[in-house]
Amino acid sequence: MTELVGCEFPLFAFSHCRDVVAAVSRAGGFGVLGAVSFSPEELETELAWIDDHVDGRPYGVDVLIPEVQAVEKQVTADEVVAMIPALYRDFTRKILRDCNIDESAATPFGGSKRPNTSLGQELLEVSFNHPIRLMASALGTAPPEMIEAGKKHSIPVAALVGAKEHALKQVEAGVDIIVAQGGEGGGHCGEVSTIVLIPEVLQAIEEAGADIPVLAAGGIMNGRQMAGMMAMGAAGAWCGSVWLATTEAETNEIFREKMVAASSRDTIRSKHRTGKFSRQLRSGWHALWEEAGLPALPMPLMMLLSEPALRAIDKAAINGNAQAQELCSYFVGQGVGLVKEVTSAGQVVQDYKEDYAKGFETLAASLE
């Protein structure tokens, strides 16, 4: 795995924050920038910054391209936003109003351009103009455009899966790396636990006659867990939640404090943020939607509605609004219970390396 992407240690750090990506890669791991929230112009700025701060170390980009979002190019974001029912807009405004937050923040994202949750061809083009060493498809089968672009630029393409059936579809699509994420993981996830999913996916790939490395993901918060996954046959670990409690992360101090205080039972697998099941820190936001009995809108409608409101909630929480602090949430996995303090991303990589070595020492000692 390290030879394939050029890193020293097969610890892959998924993050929406360029600072985390650069810090992890500099420390010997492999940073992966989540690009779904960026416009092509914004992504260009982010990648240019990483190029200048990564000290020549390798990094990658992750693009969310769900199969169901084959939105035609002529459809604008404004036209998609118009599909959001008035009932949902009104309820979102009420949430903000009841918490003394300007309800205008409930205005869904729009604009003349098509949503970034569609094909995302522009994001691919921007990414491949930089010295990336990995392109990842975060949701759904990797589209032919991504596979072809990867081959053209000699960049391996990875795909995230939550079930062995999905892994086999990715193999057929032609991906180079499988990231198997168990249901413990933060963000979009399936229902199968990591410790079951990894051997299932490895066995399915072997039986299909394919030779594709598998990265383990979902609840992996330290090097001992990483060693355990690799003892089962994984080629490395793909982690996201652990970086949210670092000083470089995009998360605010209120959420980081919540992470440190949380147990593994304080997360929820909910559709009331993006429209698809994703694991987040349980908060008043989820309780209000559940009490209202309003089913989540499909992606991208739910995401276009919720994200502006949640950003306003985060801003109010930082400014001391106690009601907003109760609503404050973000994507995070069940491994949050293992977070005991806020530290730097570089220190997290070092801790992983040390714990990884200790894990294998323990395993080796059991064979003596």
Protein backbone atom coordinates (compact mmCIF):
# COMPACT_ATOMS: atom_id res chain seq x y z
CA MET A 1 0.00 0.00 0.00
CA THR A 2 2.80 2.40 0.86
CA GLU A 3 4.50 1.68 -2.47
CA LEU A 4 1.25 2.26 -4.34
CA VAL A 5 0.67 5.78 -2.98
CA GLY A 6 4.16 6.73 -1.80
CA CYS A 7 3.62 7.22 1.94
CA GLU A 8 5.74 5.83 4.80
CA PHE A 9 2.99 4.47 7.04
CA PRO A 10 -0.37 3.16 5.71
CA LEU A 11 -2.53 5.42 7.88
CA PHE A 12 -4.98 7.33 5.68
CA ALA A 13 -6.50 10.47 7.16
CA PHE A 14 -9.78 11.60 5.63
CA SER A 15 -10.47 15.23 6.51
CA HIS A 16 -12.32 18.27 5.16
CA CYS A 17 -9.48 20.41 6.54
CA ARG A 18 -6.38 21.09 4.48
CA ASP A 19 -4.30 21.63 7.63
CA VAL A 20 -4.99 18.07 8.80
CA VAL A 21 -4.22 16.65 5.35
CA ALA A 22 -0.85 18.38 5.17
CA ALA A 23 0.10 17.63 8.79
CA VAL A 24 -0.67 13.91 8.47
CA SER A 25 1.26 13.55 5.22
CA ARG A 26 4.24 15.43 6.67
CA ALA A 27 4.21 13.04 9.63
CA GLY A 28 4.47 10.00 7.35
CA GLY A 29 0.80 9.10 6.93
CA PHE A 30 -1.40 9.93 3.95
CA GLY A 31 -3.82 12.86 4.08
CA VAL A 32 -7.00 12.76 1.97
CA LEU A 33 -9.00 15.96 1.43
CA GLY A 34 -12.79 15.57 1.37
CA ALA A 35 -13.85 17.80 -1.54
CA VAL A 36 -17.64 17.56 -1.51
CA SER A 37 -18.20 20.97 0.11
CA PHE A 38 -15.93 22.88 -2.28
CA SER A 39 -16.68 24.55 -5.59
CA PRO A 40 -14.06 23.89 -8.29
CA GLU A 41 -12.53 27.31 -7.59
CA GLU A 42 -12.38 26.66 -3.84
CA LEU A 43 -10.87 23.22 -4.38
CA GLU A 44 -8.17 24.77 -6.56
CA THR A 45 -7.27 27.13 -3.71
CA GLU A 46 -7.22 24.30 -1.14
CA LEU A 47 -5.04 22.01 -3.23
CA ALA A 48 -2.62 24.81 -4.11
CA TRP A 49 -2.23 25.48 -0.38
CA ILE A 50 -1.61 21.79 0.35
CA ASP A 51 1.01 21.65 -2.42
CA ASP A 52 2.84 24.50 -0.68
CA HIS A 53 2.62 22.99 2.83
CA VAL A 54 2.97 19.23 2.41
CA ASP A 55 6.77 19.29 1.93
CA GLY A 56 6.54 17.16 -1.17
CA ARG A 57 4.77 14.32 0.65
CA PRO A 58 1.89 12.46 -1.04
CA TYR A 59 -1.79 13.21 -0.47
CA GLY A 60 -5.15 12.45 -2.11
CA VAL A 61 -8.64 13.79 -2.77
CA ASP A 62 -12.04 12.28 -1.93
CA VAL A 63 -15.09 13.19 -4.03
CA LEU A 64 -18.64 12.21 -3.09
CA ILE A 65 -20.40 11.02 -6.24
CA PRO A 66 -23.59 9.09 -5.34
CA GLU A 67 -25.06 7.06 -8.17
CA VAL A 68 -28.52 8.54 -7.62
CA GLN A 69 -27.18 12.03 -8.26
CA ALA A 70 -26.90 11.78 -12.02
CA VAL A 71 -28.30 15.31 -12.23
CA GLU A 72 -28.24 16.67 -15.75
CA LYS A 73 -25.70 19.43 -16.30
CA GLN A 74 -28.35 21.96 -17.23
CA VAL A 75 -30.11 21.62 -13.86
CA THR A 76 -29.00 24.42 -11.54
CA ALA A 77 -28.74 24.39 -7.77
CA ASP A 78 -31.64 26.86 -7.60
CA GLU A 79 -33.84 24.42 -9.48
CA VAL A 80 -32.88 21.61 -7.14
CA VAL A 81 -33.50 23.81 -4.08
CA ALA A 82 -36.98 24.58 -5.42
CA MET A 83 -37.81 20.90 -4.87
CA ILE A 84 -37.53 21.31 -1.07
CA PRO A 85 -41.08 21.35 0.40
CA ALA A 86 -42.21 24.50 2.19
CA LEU A 87 -43.03 22.43 5.28
CA TYR A 88 -39.37 21.50 5.68
CA ARG A 89 -38.16 25.05 5.12
CA ASP A 90 -40.61 26.33 7.73
CA PHE A 91 -39.60 23.70 10.27
CA THR A 92 -35.92 24.50 9.84
CA ARG A 93 -36.63 28.20 10.32
CA LYS A 94 -38.59 27.39 13.48
CA ILE A 95 -35.62 25.48 14.92
CA LEU A 96 -33.41 28.52 14.46
CA ARG A 97 -36.01 31.00 15.64
CA ASP A 98 -36.67 29.04 18.84
CA CYS A 99 -32.94 29.14 19.58
CA ASN A 100 -32.62 32.87 18.92
CA ILE A 101 -30.70 32.35 15.69
CA ASP A 102 -31.41 34.43 12.60
CA GLU A 103 -33.87 32.26 10.68
CA SER A 104 -32.63 33.59 7.35
CA ALA A 105 -29.77 31.13 7.83
CA ALA A 106 -32.28 28.42 6.95
CA THR A 107 -32.21 29.54 3.33
CA PRO A 108 -30.97 26.53 1.34
CA PHE A 109 -27.84 26.71 -0.75
CA GLY A 110 -28.56 27.70 -4.31
CA GLY A 111 -27.03 29.40 -7.29
CA SER A 112 -26.89 29.24 -11.05
CA LYS A 113 -24.46 26.33 -11.10
CA ARG A 114 -25.41 22.70 -10.66
CA PRO A 115 -24.81 21.22 -7.19
CA ASN A 116 -21.44 19.72 -6.36
CA THR A 117 -23.30 16.58 -5.32
CA SER A 118 -23.88 15.80 -8.99
CA LEU A 119 -21.29 14.18 -11.22
CA GLY A 120 -18.52 16.42 -10.00
CA GLN A 121 -16.49 16.26 -13.21
CA GLU A 122 -15.09 19.73 -12.51
CA LEU A 123 -13.73 18.60 -9.15
CA LEU A 124 -11.99 15.66 -10.80
CA GLU A 125 -10.41 17.92 -13.39
CA VAL A 126 -9.15 20.32 -10.73
CA SER A 127 -7.76 17.48 -8.63
CA PHE A 128 -5.85 15.83 -11.45
CA ASN A 129 -4.11 19.14 -12.20
CA HIS A 130 -2.28 18.74 -8.89
CA PRO A 131 0.29 16.10 -7.81
CA ILE A 132 -2.24 13.93 -5.97
CA ARG A 133 -1.42 10.27 -5.41
CA LEU A 134 -4.95 8.96 -4.80
CA MET A 135 -8.51 9.70 -5.92
CA ALA A 136 -11.32 8.28 -3.79
CA SER A 137 -15.01 7.82 -4.56
CA ALA A 138 -16.85 8.29 -1.28
CA LEU A 139 -20.32 7.00 -2.12
CA GLY A 140 -21.66 4.71 -4.79
CA THR A 141 -19.85 2.84 -7.55
CA ALA A 142 -16.90 4.77 -8.92
CA PRO A 143 -18.08 6.28 -12.23
CA PRO A 144 -16.29 5.43 -15.49
CA GLU A 145 -15.09 9.04 -15.77
CA MET A 146 -13.15 8.68 -12.53
CA ILE A 147 -11.68 5.30 -13.44
CA GLU A 148 -10.60 6.55 -16.86
CA ALA A 149 -9.09 9.74 -15.44
CA GLY A 150 -7.17 7.71 -12.86
CA LYS A 151 -5.68 5.48 -15.54
CA LYS A 152 -4.85 8.48 -17.72
CA HIS A 153 -2.95 10.18 -14.90
CA SER A 154 -1.56 6.94 -13.38
CA ILE A 155 -3.35 7.69 -10.12
CA PRO A 156 -4.94 4.80 -8.18
CA VAL A 157 -8.67 5.10 -7.58
CA ALA A 158 -10.13 4.01 -4.24
CA ALA A 159 -13.77 3.43 -3.38
CA LEU A 160 -15.54 3.25 -0.02
CA VAL A 161 -17.93 0.36 0.61
CA GLY A 162 -20.05 -0.84 3.51
CA ALA A 163 -20.88 -4.36 2.32
CA LYS A 164 -19.15 -7.13 0.41
CA GLU A 165 -21.71 -6.82 -2.41
CA HIS A 166 -20.68 -3.21 -2.88
CA ALA A 167 -17.02 -4.22 -2.89
CA LEU A 168 -17.61 -6.66 -5.74
CA LYS A 169 -19.36 -3.92 -7.75
CA GLN A 170 -16.33 -1.70 -7.25
CA VAL A 171 -14.03 -4.49 -8.40
CA GLU A 172 -16.11 -4.84 -11.56
CA ALA A 173 -15.95 -1.07 -12.05
CA GLY A 174 -12.15 -1.26 -12.06
CA VAL A 175 -11.05 0.46 -8.85
CA ASP A 176 -7.52 -0.04 -7.53
CA ILE A 177 -8.21 0.09 -3.78
CA ILE A 178 -11.19 -0.83 -1.63
CA VAL A 179 -11.89 1.07 1.59
CA ALA A 180 -14.19 -1.15 3.65
CA GLN A 181 -15.93 0.96 6.30
CA GLY A 182 -17.90 -0.64 9.08
CA GLY A 183 -21.03 0.82 10.60
CA GLU A 184 -19.06 2.18 13.57
CA GLY A 185 -17.54 4.83 11.33
CA GLY A 186 -18.58 8.46 11.14
CA GLY A 187 -20.25 9.94 8.10
CA HIS A 188 -22.02 7.80 5.52
CA CYS A 189 -21.89 4.20 6.66
CA GLY A 190 -23.63 0.85 6.40
CA GLU A 191 -24.82 -1.49 9.12
CA VAL A 192 -22.15 -4.22 9.19
CA SER A 193 -19.50 -3.86 11.91
CA THR A 194 -15.87 -3.36 10.91
CA ILE A 195 -14.60 -6.57 12.50
CA VAL A 196 -17.09 -8.56 10.40
CA LEU A 197 -16.88 -6.48 7.23
CA ILE A 198 -13.10 -6.65 6.71
CA PRO A 199 -12.79 -10.45 6.50
CA GLU A 200 -16.02 -10.63 4.46
CA VAL A 201 -14.71 -8.18 1.88
CA LEU A 202 -11.27 -9.78 1.76
CA GLN A 203 -12.78 -13.21 1.21
CA ALA A 204 -15.20 -11.96 -1.44
CA ILE A 205 -12.41 -10.24 -3.39
CA GLU A 206 -10.22 -13.35 -3.21
CA GLU A 207 -13.06 -15.59 -4.38
CA ALA A 208 -13.68 -13.20 -7.28
CA GLY A 209 -10.09 -13.78 -8.38
CA ALA A 210 -9.10 -10.14 -7.85
CA ASP A 211 -5.93 -8.80 -6.25
CA ILE A 212 -6.95 -5.46 -4.77
CA PRO A 213 -5.69 -4.07 -1.44
CA VAL A 214 -8.28 -3.32 1.21
CA LEU A 215 -8.07 -0.50 3.74
CA ALA A 216 -10.00 -1.00 6.97
CA ALA A 217 -12.23 1.84 8.18
CA GLY A 218 -14.85 2.41 10.84
CA GLY A 219 -14.14 3.09 14.50
CA ILE A 220 -10.35 2.72 14.18
CA MET A 221 -8.99 5.28 16.62
CA ASN A 222 -5.54 3.95 17.52
CA GLY A 223 -2.64 1.88 16.25
CA ARG A 224 -3.59 -1.25 18.18
CA GLN A 225 -6.91 -1.38 16.33
CA MET A 226 -5.04 -0.75 13.10
CA ALA A 227 -2.69 -3.66 13.85
CA GLY A 228 -5.68 -5.88 14.50
CA MET A 229 -7.22 -5.01 11.14
CA MET A 230 -3.94 -5.67 9.35
CA ALA A 231 -3.56 -8.97 11.16
CA MET A 232 -6.81 -9.94 9.42
CA GLY A 233 -5.38 -8.99 6.04
CA ALA A 234 -6.10 -5.28 5.60
CA ALA A 235 -3.36 -3.26 3.89
CA GLY A 236 -3.76 -0.22 6.14
CA ALA A 237 -6.33 1.93 7.93
CA TRP A 238 -8.58 4.75 6.72
CA CYS A 239 -9.63 7.01 9.59
CA GLY A 240 -11.74 10.15 9.88
CA SER A 241 -13.18 10.73 13.35
CA VAL A 242 -9.86 10.74 15.20
CA TRP A 243 -8.73 13.86 13.30
CA LEU A 244 -11.78 15.86 14.39
CA ALA A 245 -10.32 16.23 17.87
CA THR A 246 -7.04 17.71 16.62
CA THR A 247 -5.97 21.31 16.87
CA GLU A 248 -5.86 21.61 13.07
CA ALA A 249 -9.39 20.27 12.45
CA GLU A 250 -12.27 22.23 10.96
CA THR A 251 -14.41 21.43 14.01
CA ASN A 252 -15.21 24.16 16.52
CA GLU A 253 -14.16 24.09 20.15
CA ILE A 254 -17.71 23.32 21.32
CA PHE A 255 -17.84 20.15 19.24
CA ARG A 256 -14.33 19.10 20.29
CA GLU A 257 -15.35 19.47 23.93
CA LYS A 258 -18.40 17.31 23.20
CA MET A 259 -16.15 14.69 21.61
CA VAL A 260 -13.92 14.45 24.66
CA ALA A 261 -16.97 14.12 26.92
CA ALA A 262 -18.84 11.62 24.70
CA SER A 263 -19.06 7.86 25.04
CA SER A 264 -19.36 5.36 22.20
CA ARG A 265 -23.14 5.33 22.78
CA ASP A 266 -23.51 9.04 22.05
CA THR A 267 -23.63 8.75 18.27
CA ILE A 268 -26.63 8.26 15.99
CA ARG A 269 -27.03 6.88 12.49
CA SER A 270 -29.43 9.38 10.92
CA LYS A 271 -30.61 10.68 7.54
CA HIS A 272 -31.46 14.11 8.94
CA ARG A 273 -28.33 15.80 7.68
CA THR A 274 -27.55 14.59 4.17
CA GLY A 275 -30.55 12.49 3.20
CA LYS A 276 -28.60 9.23 3.49
CA PHE A 277 -27.69 7.37 6.66
CA SER A 278 -24.62 8.89 8.27
CA ARG A 279 -23.26 8.54 11.78
CA GLN A 280 -23.08 11.78 13.77
CA LEU A 281 -22.85 12.94 17.36
CA ARG A 282 -26.35 12.73 18.81
CA SER A 283 -27.76 16.19 19.56
CA GLY A 284 -30.91 18.23 19.92
CA TRP A 285 -31.00 18.63 16.13
CA HIS A 286 -31.82 14.94 15.69
CA ALA A 287 -34.29 14.92 18.57
CA LEU A 288 -36.30 17.78 17.07
CA TRP A 289 -36.59 16.14 13.67
CA GLU A 290 -37.55 12.81 15.19
CA GLU A 291 -40.17 14.43 17.43
CA ALA A 292 -41.66 16.24 14.42
CA GLY A 293 -42.04 12.93 12.60
CA LEU A 294 -40.73 14.41 9.36
CA PRO A 295 -38.85 11.81 7.30
CA ALA A 296 -35.58 13.00 5.85
CA LEU A 297 -35.61 14.38 2.32
CA PRO A 298 -33.52 12.51 -0.26
CA MET A 299 -29.98 13.59 -1.06
CA PRO A 300 -29.11 16.31 -2.01
CA LEU A 301 -32.27 18.10 -0.83
CA MET A 302 -31.74 17.34 2.87
CA MET A 303 -28.12 18.42 2.69
CA LEU A 304 -28.91 21.67 0.86
CA LEU A 305 -31.49 22.47 3.55
CA SER A 306 -29.59 21.40 6.65
CA GLU A 307 -26.04 22.58 6.06
CA PRO A 308 -26.70 26.35 6.10
CA ALA A 309 -28.77 25.95 9.28
CA LEU A 310 -26.15 23.78 10.98
CA ARG A 311 -23.41 26.25 10.12
CA ALA A 312 -25.46 29.03 11.69
CA ILE A 313 -25.98 26.83 14.75
CA ASP A 314 -22.22 26.23 15.03
CA LYS A 315 -21.53 29.97 14.81
CA ALA A 316 -24.08 30.73 17.51
CA ALA A 317 -22.70 27.95 19.70
CA ILE A 318 -19.19 29.39 19.50
CA ASN A 319 -20.62 32.78 20.51
CA GLY A 320 -22.07 31.30 23.69
CA ASN A 321 -25.65 30.45 22.70
CA ALA A 322 -26.47 27.55 25.06
CA GLN A 323 -29.43 26.38 22.98
CA ALA A 324 -27.27 26.27 19.88
CA GLN A 325 -24.64 24.31 21.78
CA GLU A 326 -27.27 21.65 22.49
CA LEU A 327 -28.01 21.42 18.74
CA CYS A 328 -24.34 21.40 17.72
CA SER A 329 -23.37 18.17 15.95
CA TYR A 330 -21.04 16.77 13.29
CA PHE A 331 -20.12 13.50 11.63
CA VAL A 332 -18.28 11.19 14.04
CA GLY A 333 -18.01 7.46 14.64
CA GLN A 334 -18.53 5.29 17.71
CA GLY A 335 -14.81 5.46 18.34
CA VAL A 336 -15.44 8.91 19.82
CA GLY A 337 -15.50 7.17 23.20
CA LEU A 338 -11.74 6.63 22.83
CA VAL A 339 -11.02 10.35 22.45
CA LYS A 340 -9.60 11.62 25.74
CA GLU A 341 -8.01 14.91 24.75
CA VAL A 342 -7.44 17.39 21.93
CA THR A 343 -3.98 17.09 20.37
CA SER A 344 -2.16 17.80 17.09
CA ALA A 345 -2.59 15.72 13.95
CA GLY A 346 1.13 15.01 13.82
CA GLN A 347 1.04 13.66 17.37
CA VAL A 348 -1.90 11.42 16.46
CA VAL A 349 0.17 9.88 13.64
CA GLN A 350 3.07 9.29 16.03
CA ASP A 351 0.74 7.71 18.59
CA TYR A 352 -0.65 5.40 15.89
CA LYS A 353 2.86 4.29 14.94
CA GLU A 354 3.79 3.50 18.55
CA ASP A 355 0.51 1.72 19.31
CA TYR A 356 0.77 -0.21 16.04
CA ALA A 357 4.20 -1.52 17.02
CA LYS A 358 2.96 -2.47 20.50
CA GLY A 359 -0.01 -4.27 18.97
CA PHE A 360 2.18 -6.47 16.82
CA GLU A 361 4.58 -7.07 19.70
CA THR A 362 1.62 -8.41 21.70
CA LEU A 363 0.57 -10.62 18.78
CA ALA A 364 4.10 -11.92 18.27
CA ALA A 365 4.47 -12.67 21.98
CA SER A 366 1.35 -14.84 21.86
CA LEU A 367 3.12 -17.16 19.40
CA GLU A 368 6.18 -17.77 21.56
